[in-house]
Protein backbone atom coordinates (compact mmCIF):
# COMPACT_ATOMS: atom_id res chain seq x y z
CA MET A 1 -148.88 -13.04 -21.58
CA LEU A 2 -150.68 -11.62 -18.57
CA PRO A 3 -148.84 -11.74 -15.23
CA PRO A 4 -150.28 -14.17 -12.69
CA MET A 5 -152.82 -12.67 -10.34
CA ALA A 6 -151.62 -12.03 -6.82
CA LYS A 7 -153.03 -14.33 -4.17
CA ARG A 8 -155.95 -12.72 -2.36
CA ALA A 9 -155.22 -11.93 1.29
CA THR A 10 -157.31 -13.76 3.87
CA ILE A 11 -158.36 -12.79 7.38
CA ARG A 12 -155.68 -15.19 8.62
CA ASP A 13 -153.06 -13.20 6.71
CA VAL A 14 -154.36 -10.01 8.36
CA ALA A 15 -154.20 -11.61 11.81
CA ARG A 16 -150.64 -12.86 11.20
CA GLU A 17 -149.50 -9.45 9.92
CA ALA A 18 -151.06 -7.66 12.92
CA GLY A 19 -149.87 -10.22 15.47
CA VAL A 20 -153.36 -10.98 16.78
CA GLY A 21 -155.74 -13.91 16.76
CA VAL A 22 -158.05 -14.60 13.81
CA THR A 23 -161.17 -13.90 15.92
CA THR A 24 -159.77 -10.54 17.03
CA ALA A 25 -158.92 -9.56 13.45
CA SER A 26 -162.35 -10.65 12.22
CA ASN A 27 -164.21 -8.75 14.95
CA ILE A 28 -162.30 -5.54 14.25
CA VAL A 29 -162.56 -5.77 10.46
CA ASN A 30 -166.29 -6.56 10.57
CA GLN A 31 -166.97 -4.08 13.40
CA HIS A 32 -168.64 -6.84 15.36
CA PRO A 33 -171.15 -5.38 17.82
CA GLY A 34 -170.15 -5.80 21.45
CA SER A 35 -166.44 -6.28 20.70
CA SER A 36 -164.06 -3.89 22.45
CA TYR A 37 -160.33 -3.65 21.76
CA LYS A 38 -157.55 -1.27 22.61
CA ALA A 39 -156.89 1.50 20.10
CA GLU A 40 -153.36 0.13 19.57
CA THR A 41 -154.68 -3.34 18.68
CA ARG A 42 -157.34 -1.90 16.39
CA GLY A 43 -154.72 0.27 14.70
CA ARG A 44 -152.43 -2.73 14.00
CA VAL A 45 -155.28 -4.66 12.42
CA LEU A 46 -156.44 -1.76 10.24
CA ARG A 47 -152.85 -1.09 9.09
CA ALA A 48 -152.53 -4.77 8.17
CA VAL A 49 -155.76 -4.54 6.17
CA GLN A 50 -154.34 -1.59 4.24
CA THR A 51 -150.91 -3.16 3.74
CA LEU A 52 -152.33 -6.44 2.44
CA GLU A 53 -155.16 -4.74 0.51
CA TYR A 54 -157.53 -7.11 2.24
CA SER A 55 -161.22 -7.16 1.34
CA PRO A 56 -163.78 -9.54 2.85
CA ASN A 57 -164.86 -12.57 0.86
CA TRP A 58 -168.57 -11.83 0.80
CA SER A 59 -169.47 -15.05 -0.98
CA ALA A 60 -167.91 -17.11 1.80
CA ARG A 61 -169.51 -14.89 4.41
CA THR A 62 -172.92 -15.34 2.82
CA LEU A 63 -172.57 -19.12 2.87
CA ARG A 64 -171.45 -19.02 6.50
CA THR A 65 -173.98 -16.54 7.91
CA ARG A 66 -176.80 -16.88 5.33
CA GLN A 67 -176.77 -13.08 5.12
CA THR A 68 -175.83 -11.00 2.08
CA LEU A 69 -175.87 -7.63 3.88
CA ALA A 70 -177.75 -6.39 0.82
CA VAL A 71 -181.20 -4.78 0.69
CA GLY A 72 -183.24 -4.58 -2.49
CA VAL A 73 -184.93 -1.26 -3.24
CA VAL A 74 -187.55 -1.00 -6.00
CA VAL A 75 -188.77 2.44 -7.13
CA SER A 76 -190.66 3.64 -10.19
CA ASP A 77 -187.88 6.02 -11.27
CA LEU A 78 -185.20 8.34 -9.93
CA LEU A 79 -186.45 11.55 -11.53
CA GLY A 80 -186.49 14.63 -9.35
CA ASN A 81 -185.44 15.41 -5.82
CA TYR A 82 -188.13 13.30 -4.15
CA PHE A 83 -186.57 9.96 -5.02
CA SER A 84 -182.96 11.15 -4.91
CA ASP A 85 -183.50 12.53 -1.38
CA LEU A 86 -185.38 9.40 -0.32
CA ILE A 87 -182.70 7.03 -1.66
CA TYR A 88 -179.92 9.17 -0.14
CA ALA A 89 -181.58 8.83 3.28
CA VAL A 90 -182.05 5.08 2.82
CA GLU A 91 -178.46 4.48 1.71
CA LYS A 92 -177.03 6.58 4.53
CA ARG A 93 -179.15 4.85 7.18
CA LEU A 94 -178.45 1.32 5.94
CA ASP A 95 -174.74 1.95 5.33
CA ALA A 96 -174.36 2.85 9.01
CA HIS A 97 -175.45 -0.74 9.71
CA HIS A 98 -173.18 -2.21 6.97
CA TYR A 99 -175.95 -2.93 4.47
CA GLN A 100 -175.59 -2.12 0.79
CA ILE A 101 -178.58 -1.40 -1.45
CA LEU A 102 -179.40 -2.96 -4.81
CA LEU A 103 -181.51 -0.34 -6.56
CA CYS A 104 -184.02 -1.09 -9.35
CA GLN A 105 -186.30 1.20 -11.39
CA SER A 106 -189.55 -0.20 -12.76
CA HIS A 107 -190.48 2.95 -14.75
CA GLY A 108 -194.06 2.44 -13.60
CA ASP A 109 -194.41 -0.88 -15.46
CA PRO A 110 -196.09 -3.52 -13.24
CA VAL A 111 -194.51 -6.38 -15.21
CA ILE A 112 -190.99 -4.98 -14.77
CA HIS A 113 -191.83 -4.23 -11.13
CA GLU A 114 -192.68 -7.89 -10.46
CA ARG A 115 -189.67 -9.20 -12.37
CA GLN A 116 -187.26 -6.99 -10.44
CA ILE A 117 -188.62 -8.12 -7.08
CA GLN A 118 -188.25 -11.74 -8.18
CA VAL A 119 -184.63 -11.17 -9.28
CA LEU A 120 -183.78 -9.48 -5.98
CA ARG A 121 -185.25 -12.39 -4.03
CA GLU A 122 -183.28 -14.84 -6.18
CA ARG A 123 -180.14 -12.92 -5.19
CA ASN A 124 -181.06 -13.61 -1.57
CA VAL A 125 -181.25 -10.00 -0.41
CA ASP A 126 -181.78 -9.79 3.33
CA GLY A 127 -184.77 -7.45 2.95
CA LEU A 128 -186.83 -5.41 0.53
CA LEU A 129 -188.00 -1.80 0.33
CA VAL A 130 -190.76 -1.72 -2.27
CA GLN A 131 -192.56 1.30 -3.70
CA ILE A 132 -196.17 0.43 -4.47
CA VAL A 133 -197.12 2.02 -7.80
CA HIS A 134 -199.88 -0.14 -9.32
CA ALA A 135 -201.52 -1.72 -6.28
CA SER A 136 -204.29 -3.40 -8.27
CA ALA A 137 -202.04 -4.70 -11.06
CA ASN A 138 -199.55 -6.19 -8.59
CA ASN A 139 -202.03 -7.24 -5.91
CA ALA A 140 -201.31 -10.95 -6.37
CA LEU A 141 -197.57 -10.26 -6.14
CA TYR A 142 -197.92 -8.45 -2.84
CA ARG A 143 -200.07 -11.24 -1.45
CA ARG A 144 -197.36 -13.77 -2.33
CA LEU A 145 -194.69 -11.58 -0.74
CA GLU A 146 -196.73 -11.40 2.45
CA MET A 147 -196.46 -15.20 2.69
CA THR A 148 -192.64 -15.21 2.51
CA THR A 149 -190.12 -14.84 5.33
CA THR A 150 -188.30 -11.97 3.58
CA PRO A 151 -188.60 -8.77 5.67
CA ILE A 152 -190.41 -6.14 3.58
CA VAL A 153 -191.33 -2.49 4.06
CA TYR A 154 -193.65 -0.90 1.51
CA PHE A 155 -193.70 2.80 0.81
CA ASP A 156 -195.36 5.62 -1.09
CA SER A 157 -198.84 4.11 -1.68
CA LYS A 158 -201.29 1.71 -0.12
CA ALA A 159 -201.70 -1.83 -1.36
CA ASP A 160 -205.21 -3.27 -1.47
CA LEU A 161 -204.45 -5.79 1.26
CA ALA A 162 -206.80 -5.85 4.22
CA ASP A 163 -204.61 -8.45 5.91
CA MET A 164 -201.25 -6.81 5.18
CA THR A 165 -198.67 -7.67 7.83
CA SER A 166 -195.67 -5.71 6.52
CA PRO A 167 -195.17 -2.04 7.46
CA LEU A 168 -196.14 0.76 5.08
CA VAL A 169 -194.62 4.25 5.06
CA GLU A 170 -196.32 6.97 3.04
CA SER A 171 -196.78 10.69 2.76
CA ASN A 172 -200.17 12.00 3.88
CA GLN A 173 -201.44 12.32 0.31
CA PRO A 174 -204.77 14.11 0.94
CA GLN A 175 -202.98 16.62 3.14
CA LEU A 176 -200.74 17.65 0.21
CA THR A 177 -203.61 19.28 -1.65
CA ARG A 178 -205.39 20.41 1.51
CA LEU A 179 -202.32 22.44 2.48
CA ALA A 180 -202.15 23.97 -1.00
CA VAL A 181 -205.84 24.96 -1.03
CA ASP A 182 -205.63 26.33 2.52
CA HIS A 183 -202.63 28.51 1.64
CA LEU A 184 -204.22 29.92 -1.52
CA TRP A 185 -207.65 30.44 0.06
CA LYS A 186 -206.16 32.42 2.94
CA MET A 187 -204.42 34.65 0.39
CA GLY A 188 -207.81 35.50 -1.12
CA HIS A 189 -207.95 33.10 -4.07
CA ARG A 190 -211.36 31.65 -4.85
CA GLU A 191 -210.92 30.29 -8.38
CA ILE A 192 -208.33 27.58 -7.64
CA PHE A 193 -207.80 24.78 -10.15
CA PHE A 194 -205.97 21.49 -9.57
CA LEU A 195 -204.04 19.86 -12.43
CA SER A 196 -204.30 16.32 -11.07
CA GLY A 197 -202.36 13.14 -11.74
CA SER A 198 -203.77 10.05 -13.43
CA PRO A 199 -206.71 8.48 -11.54
CA HIS A 200 -205.05 5.07 -12.12
CA HIS A 201 -202.57 5.92 -9.34
CA ILE A 202 -203.66 5.65 -5.72
CA ASN A 203 -201.65 8.76 -4.79
CA ALA A 204 -203.38 10.82 -7.46
CA ARG A 205 -206.80 9.69 -6.28
CA GLU A 206 -206.00 10.56 -2.66
CA ARG A 207 -204.67 14.00 -3.64
CA ARG A 208 -207.84 14.56 -5.63
CA GLU A 209 -209.92 13.63 -2.58
CA GLY A 210 -207.93 16.06 -0.45
CA PHE A 211 -208.52 18.85 -2.95
CA LEU A 212 -212.26 18.18 -3.14
CA GLN A 213 -212.57 18.03 0.63
CA ALA A 214 -210.63 21.26 1.15
CA MET A 215 -212.62 23.15 -1.48
CA SER A 216 -215.90 21.86 -0.04
CA GLU A 217 -214.89 22.98 3.44
CA CYS A 218 -214.19 26.43 1.96
CA GLY A 219 -217.78 26.54 0.70
CA VAL A 220 -217.24 25.81 -2.99
CA PRO A 221 -220.50 24.13 -4.14
CA SER A 222 -219.14 22.01 -7.01
CA PRO A 223 -215.37 21.52 -6.51
CA GLU A 224 -215.24 18.76 -9.17
CA GLY A 225 -215.41 21.51 -11.79
CA TYR A 226 -212.07 22.83 -10.58
CA ILE A 227 -210.10 19.70 -11.49
CA VAL A 228 -208.27 19.27 -14.80
CA GLU A 229 -206.85 15.77 -15.30
CA ALA A 230 -203.22 16.10 -16.34
CA GLY A 231 -200.34 13.97 -15.04
CA TYR A 232 -196.93 14.20 -13.41
CA GLN A 233 -194.70 14.99 -16.40
CA GLU A 234 -193.86 18.34 -18.01
CA GLU A 235 -195.90 17.65 -21.14
CA HIS A 236 -198.89 16.82 -18.94
CA GLY A 237 -198.65 20.25 -17.34
CA GLN A 238 -198.51 21.88 -20.77
CA GLN A 239 -201.52 19.92 -22.01
CA GLY A 240 -203.53 20.47 -18.84
CA PHE A 241 -202.89 24.20 -18.86
CA GLN A 242 -203.82 24.37 -22.54
CA ARG A 243 -207.15 22.61 -21.88
CA LEU A 244 -207.92 24.94 -18.98
CA TRP A 245 -207.08 27.99 -21.12
CA GLU A 246 -209.30 26.78 -23.96
CA SER A 247 -212.18 26.15 -21.54
CA ARG A 248 -212.26 29.94 -20.81
CA LYS A 249 -212.85 29.23 -17.13
CA PRO A 250 -211.47 32.07 -14.99
CA PHE A 251 -208.75 31.16 -12.50
CA THR A 252 -206.38 33.04 -10.21
CA ALA A 253 -204.37 30.09 -8.88
CA LEU A 254 -203.25 26.62 -9.95
CA ILE A 255 -202.01 23.59 -8.04
CA ALA A 256 -199.74 21.34 -10.13
CA SER A 257 -199.60 17.59 -9.42
CA SER A 258 -195.77 17.65 -9.41
CA ILE A 259 -192.94 20.08 -9.99
CA TYR A 260 -192.59 18.74 -13.55
CA CYS A 261 -196.25 19.37 -14.19
CA GLY A 262 -195.56 22.84 -12.80
CA TYR A 263 -192.69 23.31 -15.25
CA GLY A 264 -195.12 22.52 -18.07
CA VAL A 265 -197.56 25.13 -16.76
CA MET A 266 -194.80 27.72 -16.50
CA GLY A 267 -193.55 27.03 -20.02
CA ARG A 268 -196.96 27.23 -21.67
CA ALA A 269 -197.92 30.32 -19.67
CA ARG A 270 -194.70 32.02 -20.75
CA GLU A 271 -195.54 31.28 -24.39
CA MET A 272 -198.88 33.01 -23.86
CA GLY A 273 -197.26 36.08 -22.32
CA LEU A 274 -198.54 35.32 -18.82
CA LYS A 275 -196.51 35.97 -15.68
CA ILE A 276 -196.38 34.11 -12.36
CA PRO A 277 -197.52 35.26 -9.81
CA GLU A 278 -198.72 38.54 -11.38
CA ASP A 279 -201.33 36.83 -13.58
CA PHE A 280 -201.92 33.70 -11.48
CA SER A 281 -200.32 31.97 -8.50
CA LEU A 282 -198.78 28.51 -8.75
CA VAL A 283 -198.22 25.81 -6.11
CA THR A 284 -196.48 22.53 -6.92
CA ILE A 285 -196.75 19.22 -5.09
CA GLY A 286 -193.17 18.33 -4.20
CA GLY A 287 -190.07 19.86 -5.68
CA GLY A 288 -187.64 20.14 -2.80
CA ARG A 289 -184.39 21.84 -3.78
CA GLU A 290 -185.61 22.41 -7.36
CA ALA A 291 -188.68 24.27 -6.11
CA ALA A 292 -186.49 26.38 -3.83
CA ARG A 293 -184.14 27.29 -6.70
CA MET A 294 -187.08 28.23 -8.92
CA GLY A 295 -188.81 30.26 -6.19
CA LEU A 296 -191.86 27.98 -6.36
CA THR A 297 -194.24 27.60 -3.45
CA ASP A 298 -194.42 23.85 -2.90
CA ILE A 299 -195.83 21.20 -0.61
CA ASP A 300 -192.83 19.16 0.57
CA GLN A 301 -193.52 15.43 1.03
CA ASN A 302 -190.56 15.13 3.42
CA PRO A 303 -188.80 12.34 1.46
CA GLN A 304 -185.77 12.16 3.75
CA LEU A 305 -187.96 11.41 6.75
CA ILE A 306 -189.82 8.80 4.69
CA GLY A 307 -186.49 7.18 3.74
CA GLU A 308 -185.22 7.21 7.31
CA THR A 309 -188.46 5.81 8.70
CA MET A 310 -188.72 2.90 6.28
CA SER A 311 -185.02 2.08 6.73
CA ASP A 312 -185.40 2.00 10.52
CA LEU A 313 -188.42 -0.27 10.21
CA LEU A 314 -186.55 -2.67 7.93
CA LEU A 315 -183.53 -2.70 10.26
CA THR A 316 -185.83 -3.63 13.13
CA LEU A 317 -187.23 -6.50 11.07
CA LEU A 318 -183.74 -7.64 10.06
CA HIS A 319 -182.31 -7.55 13.56
CA ASP A 320 -185.32 -9.18 15.24
CA LYS A 321 -186.68 -11.91 13.00
CA ASN A 322 -189.63 -12.38 15.36
CA SER A 323 -190.80 -8.79 14.82
CA LYS A 324 -192.49 -9.65 11.51
CA PRO A 325 -196.09 -10.75 12.08
CA GLN A 326 -196.89 -14.20 10.81
CA ALA A 327 -198.77 -14.63 7.53
CA ASN A 328 -201.82 -15.95 9.35
CA GLY A 329 -202.16 -12.67 11.21
CA THR A 330 -201.03 -13.91 14.61
CA ALA A 331 -199.21 -11.41 16.79
CA PRO A 332 -195.40 -11.34 16.58
CA THR A 333 -193.41 -12.59 19.53
CA GLY A 334 -190.69 -9.94 19.17
CA VAL A 335 -190.80 -6.19 18.69
CA SER A 336 -194.29 -4.80 18.02
CA LEU A 337 -194.32 -2.68 14.85
CA PRO A 338 -197.14 -0.34 13.81
CA LEU A 339 -198.18 -1.27 10.28
CA HIS A 340 -199.04 2.19 8.97
CA HIS A 341 -196.69 5.18 9.17
CA ARG A 342 -197.97 8.42 7.64
CA ILE A 343 -195.47 11.25 7.18
CA GLU A 344 -196.92 14.76 7.29
CA PRO A 345 -196.01 17.20 4.46
CA MET A 346 -194.82 20.79 4.89
CA LEU A 347 -195.76 24.02 3.09
CA HIS A 348 -192.90 26.18 1.79
CA ILE A 349 -194.11 29.64 0.71
CA ARG A 350 -192.00 31.29 -1.99
CA GLN A 351 -192.34 33.81 -4.81
CA SER A 352 -194.83 31.95 -7.04
CA THR A 353 -197.87 32.84 -4.91
CA GLN A 354 -199.37 36.19 -3.95
CA GLU A 355 -202.76 37.75 -3.26
CA PRO A 356 -204.93 37.87 -6.40
CA LYS A 357 -205.43 41.16 -8.17
CA ALA A 358 -208.81 42.27 -9.48
CA GLN A 359 -207.63 42.02 -13.09
CA SER A 360 -205.88 38.64 -12.70
CA ARG A 361 -208.80 36.32 -13.57
CA VAL A 362 -206.90 34.74 -16.44
CA GLY A 363 -209.63 32.73 -18.14
CA ALA A 364 -212.03 35.69 -17.99
CA ARG A 365 -209.54 37.86 -19.88
CA ALA A 366 -209.02 35.11 -22.46
CA ALA A 367 -212.76 34.95 -23.12
CA LYS A 368 -212.99 38.64 -24.02
């Protein structure tokens, strides 16, 4: 027979143990803003909490305050440093304000994406941080969300909403490839190919546009011929590199759509006996700590700053309910929030890029 469960300590028990009033105990335990108590009083309350193994009754608190102190976060996946760094920044920022995150992965599936947002709203989260992956597929969903009172901050991609009233935080996608082309061109590379992501993704299309613009500005007459559609995963890098190799087009430098795409390029090149950067230079989009460990030149999307920015925006919305513009587009009566926040990327030059050598036109050698 199991022993009876011990009675759960209440805030009144804590107050009685510490010899203070219930309001004082509650303010200290919940770190109520604006409350100020002597260190000795605070110490007695915190010792009582430890002695009684007190933990707040969040269900009762939710009913009383209509707040869960929980924020729903929906991302496509947690692969790689980009999302781990972003989520770390979000969790750290929100934890400082006593919010916990409920994290969901949609794996890029628009149906799962919609279902997870619905579940989070049914759990009465105080706010949402939503990565936009398939803007067109989930357009109706985002329009419905814009009509709710739930504070929302979108991130990573644009939604096709001309009348969007919730903030959006994103990396400057075209600048990612512009920085890569600029770096390689200044090193003397002229035959630069981009292994792009899927055109179904807004980010991939914007990076493609940045590449085309940068190559055009460098004087390349037909930059479209320097794009090989690949993807973001390792196998996509392998397949894209294989197609480029079989095309016999000469190249001295490649830009990979992601670090995983870059891994695929590196693996297939190694199988062919090619060396980086001796035979061709390689730049990856993103990578963070992984790129640094591998000595890869990468374009850093600055995920920690993205995470901090979107968390700060959501906290502003949560703390000032009037700061969210109304669904009909009228101006808010509280804090004025810019709707679009674009985070600039950074170039990190490492060992995977160097000036091209006369004999390093890889496709030309393959054609002989």
